[in-house]
C-alpha cells in the first residue's frame, strides 16, 4: 500500500511517502522553493516523493483536521473579543479561501501531477501525526510516547503508549496553555523570529544566569507535579493573534522587546537561560509522569519542543527512561510522515517489526540525490574546473586531508536530509580543534551571530572519549557535556566576546561556554560516507571529531541541488566543495570567477 503524507499552510510544509510500511521518501518544500520554512502547499516535495515510489498513492493523509482547528480559532476569537478582531479579520479570508478546502486542493494538485486520488484524502489529528512519527519509526516494540509543541487543533502536548502497530493517546494539555508557545514568547521578546529563532534562544542560554526563573514559575504559570500547567494569560498577547507578548510581560522582565537588529545584552542572556531551565523542568516532570502512568522503559518524543536538544540531553541523563528516541523531523515537517504512518498502521492495518536497535528512518537521508552527470553539467555551465576522484574512498580521503590542513569544505553527497539538521549529506565540515574556526564559520561563511555554537560529528565507537552522552545520537538531537579529561580551565566570568574566545577544550570550536556540545554520532551502517570521512580524519590527526554544520547561509534553507551548492561555495569563504565524485578548490578558480563572486553579499534574515 502506497500512502502520501502532507503537511502545509502553517510552517515547514513537507511531503512523505510510505510504501508497505517502509519510508521511501520525505522532504520539506523549502529545499525546492528556497524559501526558508516555506508554508506553501508542498507541490515540489510531493512530486519528488511520488517519483521515488511506484505510482499513484492509495491514500493521501493530511497532518491536521482543519475544521477542528478552525473551531479553535473561532472559539478563541470569541473568548478574547473585541481585542483580537484585527487578527481574526486578517485570518478569515485565508481560511475561507484555502484552509477549509484542503481536500479539494490536494485532489487538484495531485491531478495536475497526473494522479487521481478523488475520495482518498484523509486526515490525522496534529498530535496523532506527531506521535505516529515518533513511535512507528522507532526501534522499540513498545514504548511511551510524548509530544510537545505550540498547538495543533486544540492539543499542545499529549502522551500515550504504543505497542506493535497500535498507538493510543491517553491525555492532553490544551490551548492556550502551551510550552511551545511559552518558549516562543521568550524567543519573540528577545528579538528572534518565532518558529525559527527558538534554537538561537537555546544557544544564547549558557551565556546567562537564571535570575528570572522564579518570576516565570511564580507569575507566568502554575506548574503541577505531572508537568501540566496553566499560563497566566494576562502576560501574553498570542491568544489575540497579533503578537506574543505585550506591556505587562515587558514590565515583569525589565524592559520592552529587543529589536531584532539591536545588540544583545545580559538581560536577553538571562531571559534565555531562565526559560530554558523552566522548559527543562517541565519536560522532566512530564516524562516522569508518563513513566509512572505507562510503566514503559523506553520513550519516543516528537513535536517542535522535542528539537530542544538541551532538554533532551537532560531527559536522557536524568529522566526515568532507559532509552529515548526522538523523531529527527520533530516539527511540523515531520507531521507529513506521521500522518502517513498513522494511516498505514491504523486504518490500513499495516504491520510492524522493529528489531529493538535500529530505527526505520534510514539515517533521515530521505530527500533528493543527484548523480555525477548532474554535478558535471552544473560545473560545466559555470566553467568551473573540478577534479574527478576515482572512488568514494578517495572522496572521503580528500575531504579529510583538506579539513586536517585547516580548510572549510562544503559537501553535497547522496540523499538530502529530512528535518532541520545537517547530518553529512548537505554539510559544511571543518576542524573542531581549531581555536579560530567558530568565529570564522559564523562571520565569513554562515553570516550569522557570533555566539551561535557549532555541533561536533564523531565516530560512534569513539564518542565516549569526548562526550558524556551514554547513548547514540545519530540525528544531533542530544546535548552532552564534554568529559573532564578534554576540558581546559577557563574563567567563568567576562564579557560574551571574551567567553566566546576562551579555549575551553581539546575541540574548542564545538565546545559551548558551559562545556556542552550538540553531538552527532556516526556509525558505519547508517551513515557510511561520514564514517569514512571521520575514520580518515582520525588516521591523519588522531582526532575522530569534526565540525558539522548545515550547508547554508543566514536566511536560506540548506542547499539541495548542486546548483545551490555551487552558488554557496562561490559566495562564501568556503575553501573547497565536494559533490559526488567531483572536488573543487577555491584557489583553483579562474581569476575572473574569484573577482566576480567576491562582490556578492547575502542579506541577513
Protein backbone atom coordinates (compact mmCIF):
# COMPACT_ATOMS: atom_id res chain seq x y z
CA UNK A 1 0.00 0.00 0.00
CA UNK A 2 1.26 3.44 -1.03
CA UNK A 3 0.45 6.39 1.27
CA UNK A 4 1.38 10.03 0.78
CA UNK A 5 1.52 12.29 3.84
CA UNK A 6 1.27 16.07 3.59
CA UNK A 7 1.83 18.98 5.97
CA UNK A 8 1.13 22.50 4.72
CA UNK A 9 -0.06 26.06 5.26
CA UNK A 10 1.46 26.85 8.66
CA UNK A 11 5.25 26.47 8.51
CA UNK A 12 7.76 23.89 7.25
CA UNK A 13 5.46 22.29 4.70
CA UNK A 14 6.56 18.81 3.65
CA UNK A 15 5.58 15.58 1.92
CA UNK A 16 6.43 11.96 2.77
CA UNK A 17 5.79 8.65 1.04
CA UNK A 18 5.32 5.32 2.83
CA UNK A 19 5.02 2.07 0.83
CA UNK A 20 4.00 -1.08 2.70
CA UNK A 21 5.26 0.49 5.90
CA UNK A 22 8.67 1.49 4.50
CA UNK A 23 9.59 5.18 4.49
CA UNK A 24 10.53 5.70 0.84
CA UNK A 25 11.00 9.48 0.64
CA UNK A 26 10.39 12.65 2.63
CA UNK A 27 11.34 16.29 2.10
CA UNK A 28 10.45 19.84 3.09
CA UNK A 29 9.16 22.21 0.44
CA UNK A 30 11.78 24.81 1.41
CA UNK A 31 14.51 22.65 -0.11
CA UNK A 32 12.94 23.10 -3.54
CA UNK A 33 11.41 26.58 -3.30
CA UNK A 34 14.45 28.07 -1.47
CA UNK A 35 12.05 29.90 0.89
CA UNK A 36 13.11 29.18 4.46
CA UNK A 37 10.33 27.48 6.48
CA UNK A 38 8.10 27.62 3.39
CA UNK A 39 4.44 27.17 4.36
CA UNK A 40 3.04 26.77 0.84
CA UNK A 41 1.44 23.58 -0.41
CA UNK A 42 4.42 21.20 -0.89
CA UNK A 43 3.95 20.72 -4.61
CA UNK A 44 7.59 20.04 -5.48
CA UNK A 45 8.22 17.93 -2.37
CA UNK A 46 5.12 15.89 -3.24
CA UNK A 47 6.24 15.41 -6.84
CA UNK A 48 9.68 14.32 -5.67
CA UNK A 49 8.23 11.77 -3.23
CA UNK A 50 5.84 10.31 -5.78
CA UNK A 51 8.67 10.00 -8.31
CA UNK A 52 10.52 7.79 -5.82
CA UNK A 53 7.52 5.49 -5.46
CA UNK A 54 5.63 3.13 -7.67
CA UNK A 55 2.70 5.23 -8.86
CA UNK A 56 -0.49 6.91 -7.67
CA UNK A 57 -0.97 6.76 -3.90
CA UNK A 58 -3.72 4.60 -2.45
CA UNK A 59 -4.35 7.25 0.19
CA UNK A 60 -3.29 10.83 0.91
CA UNK A 61 -3.28 11.94 4.55
CA UNK A 62 -3.14 15.50 5.79
CA UNK A 63 -1.48 16.08 9.16
CA UNK A 64 -4.28 18.09 10.80
CA UNK A 65 -8.05 18.31 10.97
CA UNK A 66 -8.80 21.76 9.50
CA UNK A 67 -12.40 22.01 10.77
CA UNK A 68 -11.32 21.28 14.34
CA UNK A 69 -8.53 23.85 14.08
CA UNK A 70 -10.99 26.37 12.66
CA UNK A 71 -13.26 25.70 15.64
CA UNK A 72 -10.38 26.56 17.97
CA UNK A 73 -9.64 29.80 16.13
CA UNK A 74 -13.31 30.86 16.23
CA UNK A 75 -13.69 29.93 19.89
CA UNK A 76 -10.56 31.83 20.83
CA UNK A 77 -11.63 34.89 18.84
CA UNK A 78 -14.99 35.00 20.60
CA UNK A 79 -13.36 34.46 24.01
CA UNK A 80 -10.99 37.43 23.65
CA UNK A 81 -13.29 39.73 21.64
CA UNK A 82 -13.11 42.52 20.79
CA UNK A 83 -9.32 42.74 21.33
CA UNK A 84 -8.42 40.11 18.73
CA UNK A 85 -10.68 41.36 15.97
CA UNK A 86 -7.92 42.65 13.69
CA UNK A 87 -6.02 39.36 13.71
CA UNK A 88 -9.28 37.44 13.30
CA UNK A 89 -10.30 39.58 10.32
CA UNK A 90 -6.89 39.06 8.73
CA UNK A 91 -7.03 35.28 9.16
CA UNK A 92 -10.58 34.68 7.95
CA UNK A 93 -10.06 35.28 4.21
CA UNK A 94 -7.19 32.78 4.15
CA UNK A 95 -9.29 30.18 5.93
CA UNK A 96 -12.36 30.75 3.79
CA UNK A 97 -10.43 30.71 0.51
CA UNK A 98 -7.96 27.90 1.19
CA UNK A 99 -7.56 26.22 4.55
CA UNK A 100 -11.13 24.95 4.79
CA UNK A 101 -10.83 23.41 1.32
CA UNK A 102 -7.70 21.35 1.78
CA UNK A 103 -9.17 18.05 0.43
CA UNK A 104 -10.08 19.77 -2.82
CA UNK A 105 -6.67 21.44 -3.03
CA UNK A 106 -4.91 18.10 -2.53
CA UNK A 107 -7.02 16.42 -5.21
CA UNK A 108 -6.36 19.24 -7.68
CA UNK A 109 -2.63 19.32 -7.02
CA UNK A 110 -2.31 15.57 -7.45
CA UNK A 111 -4.45 15.55 -10.58
CA UNK A 112 -2.19 18.23 -12.05
CA UNK A 113 0.73 15.89 -11.33
CA UNK A 114 -1.04 13.03 -13.12
CA UNK A 115 -2.55 11.24 -10.11
CA UNK A 116 -6.29 10.91 -9.48
CA UNK A 117 -6.98 10.46 -5.74
CA UNK A 118 -10.57 11.67 -5.55
CA UNK A 119 -12.25 10.25 -2.46
CA UNK A 120 -8.96 9.03 -0.99
CA UNK A 121 -7.94 12.07 1.07
CA UNK A 122 -7.93 11.52 4.82
CA UNK A 123 -6.94 13.42 7.98
CA UNK A 124 -4.88 12.76 11.04
CA UNK A 125 -5.01 15.00 14.08
CA UNK A 126 -1.89 17.12 14.56
CA UNK A 127 -0.62 15.37 17.68
CA UNK A 128 -1.62 11.95 16.40
CA UNK A 129 0.72 12.67 13.46
CA UNK A 130 3.50 13.75 15.83
CA UNK A 131 3.00 10.65 17.98
CA UNK A 132 2.99 8.35 14.96
CA UNK A 133 6.15 9.95 13.61
CA UNK A 134 7.79 9.29 16.97
CA UNK A 135 6.69 5.72 17.69
CA UNK A 136 6.29 3.86 14.42
CA UNK A 137 9.82 4.53 13.03
CA UNK A 138 11.41 3.98 16.45
CA UNK A 139 13.37 0.80 17.19
CA UNK A 140 11.00 -0.12 20.03
CA UNK A 141 8.32 -2.82 20.01
CA UNK A 142 6.60 -0.93 22.81
CA UNK A 143 7.20 2.49 24.34
CA UNK A 144 5.71 5.53 25.99
CA UNK A 145 5.09 8.49 23.66
CA UNK A 146 5.24 12.20 24.48
CA UNK A 147 4.53 15.04 22.05
CA UNK A 148 5.05 18.72 22.89
CA UNK A 149 4.73 21.71 20.56
CA UNK A 150 3.00 25.06 20.16
CA UNK A 151 -0.51 23.97 19.22
CA UNK A 152 -2.24 21.70 16.74
CA UNK A 153 -6.04 21.78 16.67
CA UNK A 154 -6.52 22.11 20.45
CA UNK A 155 -3.74 19.97 21.91
CA UNK A 156 -0.38 21.47 22.87
CA UNK A 157 1.06 18.31 24.45
CA UNK A 158 -0.09 14.69 24.56
CA UNK A 159 1.10 11.40 25.98
CA UNK A 160 0.24 7.79 25.34
CA UNK A 161 1.81 4.48 24.53
CA UNK A 162 2.48 2.32 21.52
CA UNK A 163 2.85 -1.41 21.13
CA UNK A 164 3.42 -3.17 17.85
CA UNK A 165 1.12 -1.48 15.34
CA UNK A 166 -1.13 0.09 17.97
CA UNK A 167 -0.78 3.65 19.24
CA UNK A 168 -3.14 5.29 21.71
CA UNK A 169 -3.01 8.77 23.19
CA UNK A 170 -4.29 8.91 26.74
CA UNK A 171 -4.17 12.56 27.81
CA UNK A 172 -3.54 16.07 26.53
CA UNK A 173 -2.72 19.64 27.52
CA UNK A 174 -4.93 22.09 25.65
CA UNK A 175 -4.56 25.55 24.13
CA UNK A 176 -3.88 28.24 25.27
CA UNK A 177 -1.62 26.53 27.83
CA UNK A 178 1.41 25.58 25.78
CA UNK A 179 5.10 25.00 26.48
CA UNK A 180 5.95 25.64 22.85
CA UNK A 181 4.14 28.98 22.87
CA UNK A 182 5.69 29.92 26.22
CA UNK A 183 9.17 29.32 24.79
CA UNK A 184 8.24 31.21 21.62
CA UNK A 185 7.06 34.16 23.72
CA UNK A 186 10.58 34.50 25.11
CA UNK A 187 12.02 33.96 21.63
CA UNK A 188 9.92 36.91 20.45
CA UNK A 189 10.74 39.10 23.46
CA UNK A 190 14.47 38.53 22.96
CA UNK A 191 14.19 39.78 19.37
CA UNK A 192 14.28 36.48 17.45
CA UNK A 193 11.73 35.22 14.95
CA UNK A 194 9.01 32.88 16.23
CA UNK A 195 9.02 29.38 14.68
CA UNK A 196 12.60 29.75 13.50
CA UNK A 197 14.61 31.55 16.19
CA UNK A 198 13.96 29.23 19.13
CA UNK A 199 17.27 27.43 18.58
CA UNK A 200 19.04 30.80 18.84
CA UNK A 201 17.47 31.32 22.25
CA UNK A 202 18.66 27.87 23.30
CA UNK A 203 22.19 28.68 22.10
CA UNK A 204 22.16 32.01 23.97
CA UNK A 205 21.11 30.48 27.31
CA UNK A 206 24.56 29.36 28.55
CA UNK A 207 25.75 32.98 28.49
CA UNK A 208 23.14 33.94 31.09
CA UNK A 209 22.08 33.29 34.64
CA UNK A 210 18.59 32.01 35.60
CA UNK A 211 17.69 35.15 37.50
CA UNK A 212 14.15 35.28 36.05
CA UNK A 213 13.39 31.61 36.74
CA UNK A 214 11.32 32.22 39.85
CA UNK A 215 9.40 35.05 38.21
CA UNK A 216 8.44 32.72 35.38
CA UNK A 217 7.35 29.97 37.77
CA UNK A 218 5.65 32.38 40.16
CA UNK A 219 3.95 34.80 37.78
CA UNK A 220 3.58 33.22 34.35
CA UNK A 221 2.45 29.69 35.10
CA UNK A 222 1.03 27.34 37.68
CA UNK A 223 3.16 24.21 37.27
CA UNK A 224 1.99 20.89 38.70
CA UNK A 225 3.92 17.76 39.61
CA UNK A 226 2.79 15.92 36.47
CA UNK A 227 4.20 18.66 34.18
CA UNK A 228 0.81 20.09 33.29
CA UNK A 229 0.36 23.80 33.87
CA UNK A 230 -1.85 26.80 33.35
CA UNK A 231 -0.45 30.02 31.96
CA UNK A 232 -1.38 33.41 33.36
CA UNK A 233 -2.77 34.75 30.08
CA UNK A 234 -2.68 38.34 31.29
CA UNK A 235 1.01 38.37 30.40
CA UNK A 236 0.60 37.08 26.82
CA UNK A 237 -0.87 38.54 23.65
CA UNK A 238 -0.86 35.45 21.41
CA UNK A 239 -4.49 34.46 22.10
CA UNK A 240 -5.43 37.73 20.39
CA UNK A 241 -3.23 36.67 17.47
CA UNK A 242 -1.29 39.91 16.98
CA UNK A 243 1.96 39.36 18.87
CA UNK A 244 3.39 37.04 21.51
CA UNK A 245 3.92 39.46 24.41
CA UNK A 246 2.96 42.98 25.41
CA UNK A 247 3.41 45.72 28.02
CA UNK A 248 2.71 43.63 31.12
CA UNK A 249 5.26 40.99 30.09
CA UNK A 250 7.77 43.77 29.41
CA UNK A 251 7.27 45.30 32.85
CA UNK A 252 7.78 41.93 34.54
CA UNK A 253 11.09 41.37 32.77
CA UNK A 254 12.61 44.82 32.97
CA UNK A 255 12.02 46.35 29.57
CA UNK A 256 10.48 46.16 26.11
CA UNK A 257 11.13 43.58 23.47
CA UNK A 258 14.62 43.74 21.98
CA UNK A 259 14.57 44.98 18.40
CA UNK A 260 15.80 42.20 16.08
CA UNK A 261 18.90 44.10 14.93
CA UNK A 262 19.79 45.57 18.32
CA UNK A 263 22.83 44.41 20.26
CA UNK A 264 22.27 41.52 22.64
CA UNK A 265 22.52 42.43 26.32
CA UNK A 266 22.92 40.43 29.51
CA UNK A 267 19.14 40.70 30.01
CA UNK A 268 18.46 38.62 26.91
CA UNK A 269 21.08 36.08 28.00
CA UNK A 270 19.45 35.81 31.43
CA UNK A 271 15.95 35.54 29.95
CA UNK A 272 17.15 32.76 27.65
CA UNK A 273 18.78 30.85 30.50
CA UNK A 274 15.71 31.26 32.71
CA UNK A 275 13.15 29.99 30.20
CA UNK A 276 15.48 27.18 29.15
CA UNK A 277 15.71 25.93 32.74
CA UNK A 278 11.94 26.17 33.17
CA UNK A 279 11.43 24.26 29.91
CA UNK A 280 13.76 21.51 31.05
CA UNK A 281 11.93 21.24 34.37
CA UNK A 282 8.55 20.94 32.63
CA UNK A 283 9.82 18.31 30.18
CA UNK A 284 11.32 16.27 33.03
CA UNK A 285 8.10 16.45 35.05
CA UNK A 286 6.03 15.42 32.04
CA UNK A 287 8.34 12.50 31.30
CA UNK A 288 8.32 11.27 34.90
CA UNK A 289 4.53 11.40 34.92
CA UNK A 290 4.32 9.46 31.66
CA UNK A 291 6.72 6.88 33.06
CA UNK A 292 4.59 6.44 36.18
CA UNK A 293 1.42 6.11 34.13
CA UNK A 294 2.70 3.72 31.45
CA UNK A 295 5.43 1.76 33.21
CA UNK A 296 7.34 1.63 29.93
CA UNK A 297 11.13 1.50 29.82
CA UNK A 298 11.51 3.48 26.59
CA UNK A 299 10.22 6.86 25.42
CA UNK A 300 9.55 8.34 21.96
CA UNK A 301 9.44 12.13 21.50
CA UNK A 302 8.17 14.47 18.78
CA UNK A 303 6.72 17.95 18.36
CA UNK A 304 8.66 21.18 17.98
CA UNK A 305 9.79 21.21 21.63
CA UNK A 306 11.49 17.84 21.01
CA UNK A 307 14.05 19.76 18.93
CA UNK A 308 15.29 21.33 22.17
CA UNK A 309 18.40 19.17 22.36
CA UNK A 310 19.46 20.60 25.75
CA UNK A 311 16.20 19.43 27.34
CA UNK A 312 16.56 16.11 25.51
CA UNK A 313 20.07 15.67 26.90
CA UNK A 314 18.89 16.23 30.47
CA UNK A 315 15.99 13.84 29.92
CA UNK A 316 18.42 11.18 28.67
CA UNK A 317 20.77 11.64 31.63
CA UNK A 318 18.31 12.35 34.47
CA UNK A 319 14.95 11.00 33.34
CA UNK A 320 13.36 7.73 34.30
CA UNK A 321 13.50 6.07 30.87
CA UNK A 322 16.13 3.57 29.83
CA UNK A 323 16.17 4.79 26.22
CA UNK A 324 14.86 7.91 24.47
CA UNK A 325 14.26 8.13 20.71
CA UNK A 326 13.47 11.48 19.09
CA UNK A 327 12.00 11.86 15.60
CA UNK A 328 14.66 13.76 13.57
CA UNK A 329 11.94 15.82 11.84
CA UNK A 330 10.09 16.56 15.06
CA UNK A 331 8.45 19.81 13.94
CA UNK A 332 5.62 20.34 11.50
CA UNK A 333 7.61 18.84 8.63
CA UNK A 334 7.58 15.50 10.41
CA UNK A 335 3.79 15.68 10.59
CA UNK A 336 3.67 14.61 6.94
CA UNK A 337 5.46 11.36 7.74
CA UNK A 338 3.45 10.83 10.91
CA UNK A 339 0.16 11.27 9.07
CA UNK A 340 1.12 8.62 6.52
CA UNK A 341 2.33 6.19 9.18
CA UNK A 342 -0.74 6.74 11.37
CA UNK A 343 -2.99 5.74 8.46
CA UNK A 344 -0.88 2.77 7.42
CA UNK A 345 -0.72 1.24 10.89
CA UNK A 346 -4.25 2.31 11.82
CA UNK A 347 -6.94 2.36 9.14
CA UNK A 348 -4.93 0.21 6.71
CA UNK A 349 -3.97 -2.35 9.37
CA UNK A 350 -0.31 -2.47 8.38
CA UNK A 351 2.12 -4.50 10.46
CA UNK A 352 5.42 -3.54 12.05
CA UNK A 353 8.53 -5.50 13.08
CA UNK A 354 11.15 -3.34 14.84
CA UNK A 355 14.44 -5.01 15.78
CA UNK A 356 14.93 -3.16 19.06
CA UNK A 357 18.15 -1.48 17.92
CA UNK A 358 17.80 0.27 14.55
CA UNK A 359 15.12 2.81 13.66
CA UNK A 360 13.28 2.96 10.33
CA UNK A 361 14.35 6.48 9.30
CA UNK A 362 17.20 5.30 7.08
CA UNK A 363 19.51 7.82 8.69
CA UNK A 364 17.00 10.57 7.75
CA UNK A 365 18.57 10.57 4.27
CA UNK A 366 15.19 10.65 2.52
CA UNK A 367 15.49 13.67 0.23
CA UNK A 368 16.74 14.08 -3.35
CA UNK A 369 20.08 12.77 -4.61
CA UNK A 370 21.96 13.93 -7.72
CA UNK A 371 24.39 11.89 -9.81
CA UNK A 372 27.75 12.81 -11.27
CA UNK A 373 26.18 13.69 -14.62
CA UNK A 374 24.05 16.40 -12.99
CA UNK A 375 27.01 17.66 -10.97
CA UNK A 376 29.20 17.85 -14.06
CA UNK A 377 26.50 19.68 -16.01
CA UNK A 378 26.32 22.39 -13.35
CA UNK A 379 30.10 22.71 -13.13
CA UNK A 380 30.41 22.93 -16.92
CA UNK A 381 27.67 25.56 -17.14
CA UNK A 382 29.77 27.76 -14.85
CA UNK A 383 33.09 26.88 -16.48
CA UNK A 384 34.46 25.64 -13.17
CA UNK A 385 37.43 23.27 -13.01
CA UNK A 386 37.00 20.26 -10.75
CA UNK A 387 38.94 17.06 -10.18
CA UNK A 388 37.06 13.80 -10.57
CA UNK A 389 38.14 11.35 -7.89
CA UNK A 390 38.31 7.64 -8.58
CA UNK A 391 36.20 6.21 -5.74
CA UNK A 392 34.08 7.03 -2.69
CA UNK A 393 37.12 6.20 -0.58
CA UNK A 394 39.17 8.76 -2.49
CA UNK A 395 36.46 11.39 -1.94
CA UNK A 396 36.43 10.74 1.81
CA UNK A 397 40.22 10.83 1.94
CA UNK A 398 40.42 14.18 0.10
CA UNK A 399 37.83 15.79 2.39
CA UNK A 400 39.66 14.56 5.49
CA UNK A 401 43.00 15.77 4.18
CA UNK A 402 41.73 19.25 3.40
CA UNK A 403 39.97 19.62 6.76
CA UNK A 404 43.15 18.45 8.52
CA UNK A 405 45.02 21.21 6.63
CA UNK A 406 42.60 23.82 8.00
CA UNK A 407 40.25 24.10 5.03
CA UNK A 408 36.47 24.53 5.30
CA UNK A 409 34.73 22.09 2.94
CA UNK A 410 31.18 22.16 1.63
CA UNK A 411 29.66 18.75 1.00
CA UNK A 412 26.81 17.54 -1.22
CA UNK A 413 26.73 13.75 -1.13
CA UNK A 414 23.84 11.32 -1.58
CA UNK A 415 20.26 11.95 -0.49
CA UNK A 416 19.42 15.17 1.35
CA UNK A 417 18.40 15.07 4.99
CA UNK A 418 14.77 15.19 6.17
CA UNK A 419 14.42 17.52 9.14
CA UNK A 420 16.31 20.61 10.28
CA UNK A 421 19.72 19.02 10.97
CA UNK A 422 22.58 18.56 8.51
CA UNK A 423 23.93 15.04 9.03
CA UNK A 424 26.67 14.91 6.39
CA UNK A 425 24.75 14.95 3.11
CA UNK A 426 24.37 18.75 2.86
CA UNK A 427 27.02 19.86 5.35
CA UNK A 428 29.94 22.17 5.92
CA UNK A 429 32.84 20.33 7.56
CA UNK A 430 35.77 21.87 9.42
CA UNK A 431 38.38 21.15 12.08
CA UNK A 432 36.92 21.12 15.60
CA UNK A 433 40.43 21.51 17.09
CA UNK A 434 40.84 25.00 15.63
CA UNK A 435 40.71 27.96 18.02
CA UNK A 436 39.53 30.34 15.32
CA UNK A 437 37.09 28.14 13.43
CA UNK A 438 33.85 29.07 15.27
CA UNK A 439 34.21 32.80 14.59
CA UNK A 440 35.45 32.17 11.04
CA UNK A 441 32.45 30.00 10.17
CA UNK A 442 29.93 32.34 11.78
CA UNK A 443 31.23 35.56 10.26
CA UNK A 444 32.75 34.63 6.89
CA UNK A 445 30.69 31.64 5.80
CA UNK A 446 27.37 31.42 7.65
CA UNK A 447 26.96 35.23 8.04
CA UNK A 448 25.24 34.83 11.41
CA UNK A 449 25.55 35.83 15.08
CA UNK A 450 28.97 35.13 16.58
CA UNK A 451 27.57 33.47 19.74
CA UNK A 452 25.99 30.60 17.80
CA UNK A 453 27.65 27.25 18.65
CA UNK A 454 28.59 24.55 16.17
CA UNK A 455 27.95 20.85 16.53
CA UNK A 456 30.53 18.05 16.60
CA UNK A 457 30.23 14.94 14.49
CA UNK A 458 32.12 12.00 15.97
CA UNK A 459 32.70 8.32 15.26
CA UNK A 460 30.13 6.46 17.36
CA UNK A 461 32.73 4.00 18.60
CA UNK A 462 34.93 6.86 19.89
CA UNK A 463 32.23 9.23 21.22
CA UNK A 464 32.75 8.22 24.85
CA UNK A 465 36.32 9.52 24.72
CA UNK A 466 34.98 13.05 24.27
CA UNK A 467 31.36 13.28 25.44
CA UNK A 468 29.39 12.06 28.44
CA UNK A 469 26.48 11.01 26.26
CA UNK A 470 25.62 7.43 27.19
CA UNK A 471 23.58 6.66 24.06
CA UNK A 472 23.82 7.02 20.27
CA UNK A 473 22.86 10.43 18.86
CA UNK A 474 22.76 9.97 15.07
CA UNK A 475 20.36 12.87 14.49
CA UNK A 476 22.14 15.57 16.53
CA UNK A 477 19.24 15.81 18.98
CA UNK A 478 21.01 15.46 22.34
CA UNK A 479 23.36 17.86 24.06
CA UNK A 480 26.03 16.28 26.26
CA UNK A 481 28.84 17.59 28.45
CA UNK A 482 32.45 17.06 27.47
CA UNK A 483 34.30 14.53 29.60
CA UNK A 484 36.58 16.12 32.19
CA UNK A 485 39.79 14.94 30.53
CA UNK A 486 39.05 17.01 27.42
CA UNK A 487 38.29 20.27 29.27
CA UNK A 488 40.59 23.18 29.98
CA UNK A 489 40.26 25.57 32.87
CA UNK A 490 38.87 28.97 31.88
CA UNK A 491 37.49 31.96 33.73
CA UNK A 492 33.72 31.68 34.23
CA UNK A 493 33.34 35.46 34.04
CA UNK A 494 33.96 38.11 31.41
CA UNK A 495 32.04 39.59 28.51
CA UNK A 496 30.27 37.44 25.94
CA UNK A 497 33.08 38.11 23.46
CA UNK A 498 35.77 37.15 25.99
CA UNK A 499 33.98 33.95 26.96
CA UNK A 500 33.44 33.13 23.30
CA UNK A 501 37.18 33.40 22.55
CA UNK A 502 38.28 31.26 25.50
CA UNK A 503 39.82 27.89 24.58
CA UNK A 504 37.95 25.53 26.89
CA UNK A 505 38.72 22.07 25.48
CA UNK A 506 40.74 19.97 23.02
CA UNK A 507 37.98 20.68 20.50
CA UNK A 508 37.21 24.36 21.20
CA UNK A 509 35.26 25.05 18.01
CA UNK A 510 32.43 22.75 19.14
CA UNK A 511 32.58 23.32 22.92
CA UNK A 512 29.93 25.73 24.18
CA UNK A 513 30.60 28.10 27.07
CA UNK A 514 29.05 25.63 29.54
CA UNK A 515 31.31 22.77 28.29
CA UNK A 516 28.44 21.17 26.38
CA UNK A 517 28.04 20.15 22.75
CA UNK A 518 25.16 19.10 20.49
CA UNK A 519 26.56 15.74 19.43
CA UNK A 520 26.09 13.72 16.25
CA UNK A 521 27.40 10.18 16.47
CA UNK A 522 28.12 8.31 13.24
CA UNK A 523 28.10 4.56 12.70
CA UNK A 524 29.11 2.72 9.56
CA UNK A 525 25.70 1.14 8.94
CA UNK A 526 23.50 4.23 8.72
CA UNK A 527 25.99 6.88 7.59
CA UNK A 528 28.86 5.17 5.71
CA UNK A 529 30.03 8.35 3.97
CA UNK A 530 30.62 10.35 7.15
CA UNK A 531 32.05 7.29 8.86
CA UNK A 532 34.71 7.03 6.13
CA UNK A 533 35.49 10.76 6.35
CA UNK A 534 35.90 10.68 10.13
CA UNK A 535 37.94 7.48 10.02
CA UNK A 536 40.34 9.11 7.56
CA UNK A 537 40.49 12.28 9.65
CA UNK A 538 41.23 10.23 12.75
CA UNK A 539 44.02 8.40 10.90
CA UNK A 540 45.58 11.73 9.90
CA UNK A 541 45.14 13.66 13.14
CA UNK A 542 44.33 11.24 15.95
CA UNK A 543 41.02 13.06 16.43
CA UNK A 544 37.69 11.43 15.39
CA UNK A 545 35.72 14.71 15.71
CA UNK A 546 34.86 17.39 13.14
CA UNK A 547 32.57 20.40 12.98
CA UNK A 548 29.38 19.61 11.09
CA UNK A 549 27.04 22.47 10.27
CA UNK A 550 24.34 22.85 7.63
CA UNK A 551 25.41 23.93 4.16
CA UNK A 552 23.57 27.24 4.02
CA UNK A 553 23.96 30.86 4.98
CA UNK A 554 21.80 33.00 7.20
CA UNK A 555 18.28 33.41 5.87
CA UNK A 556 18.43 30.44 3.48
CA UNK A 557 17.44 26.78 3.84
CA UNK A 558 20.17 24.17 3.39
CA UNK A 559 21.28 23.56 -0.18
CA UNK A 560 19.60 20.72 -2.02
CA UNK A 561 20.70 20.79 -5.68
CA UNK A 562 24.31 21.02 -6.97
CA UNK A 563 23.44 24.44 -8.43
CA UNK A 564 22.77 25.82 -4.95
CA UNK A 565 25.90 24.20 -3.53
CA UNK A 566 27.99 25.90 -6.21
CA UNK A 567 26.36 29.26 -5.54
CA UNK A 568 27.03 28.93 -1.81
CA UNK A 569 30.61 27.87 -2.44
CA UNK A 570 31.32 30.83 -4.70
CA UNK A 571 29.66 33.41 -2.47
CA UNK A 572 31.22 32.46 0.87
CA UNK A 573 34.59 31.76 2.43
CA UNK A 574 34.45 28.01 1.73
CA UNK A 575 37.82 26.66 0.63
CA UNK A 576 36.63 23.55 -1.19
CA UNK A 577 33.48 21.82 -2.43
CA UNK A 578 32.81 18.07 -2.65
CA UNK A 579 29.89 16.95 -4.83
CA UNK A 580 29.61 13.31 -5.78
CA UNK A 581 32.93 12.29 -7.33
CA UNK A 582 33.96 15.90 -8.03
CA UNK A 583 36.17 18.06 -5.85
CA UNK A 584 36.55 21.78 -6.44
CA UNK A 585 39.15 24.07 -4.83
CA UNK A 586 38.51 27.80 -4.41
CA UNK A 587 42.18 28.51 -5.09
CA UNK A 588 41.90 26.77 -8.48
CA UNK A 589 39.11 29.01 -9.76
CA UNK A 590 39.87 31.31 -12.69
CA UNK A 591 40.66 34.88 -11.51
CA UNK A 592 37.57 36.24 -13.29
CA UNK A 593 35.30 33.98 -11.22
CA UNK A 594 37.04 34.86 -7.95
CA UNK A 595 36.72 38.60 -8.68
CA UNK A 596 33.07 38.42 -9.73
CA UNK A 597 31.96 36.38 -6.75
CA UNK A 598 33.92 38.47 -4.24
CA UNK A 599 31.46 41.32 -4.83
CA UNK A 600 28.39 39.28 -3.85
CA UNK A 601 26.76 39.64 -0.44
CA UNK A 602 23.88 37.94 1.33
CA UNK A 603 21.14 39.90 3.06
CA UNK A 604 20.79 38.66 6.66
CA UNK A 605 17.42 37.49 7.95
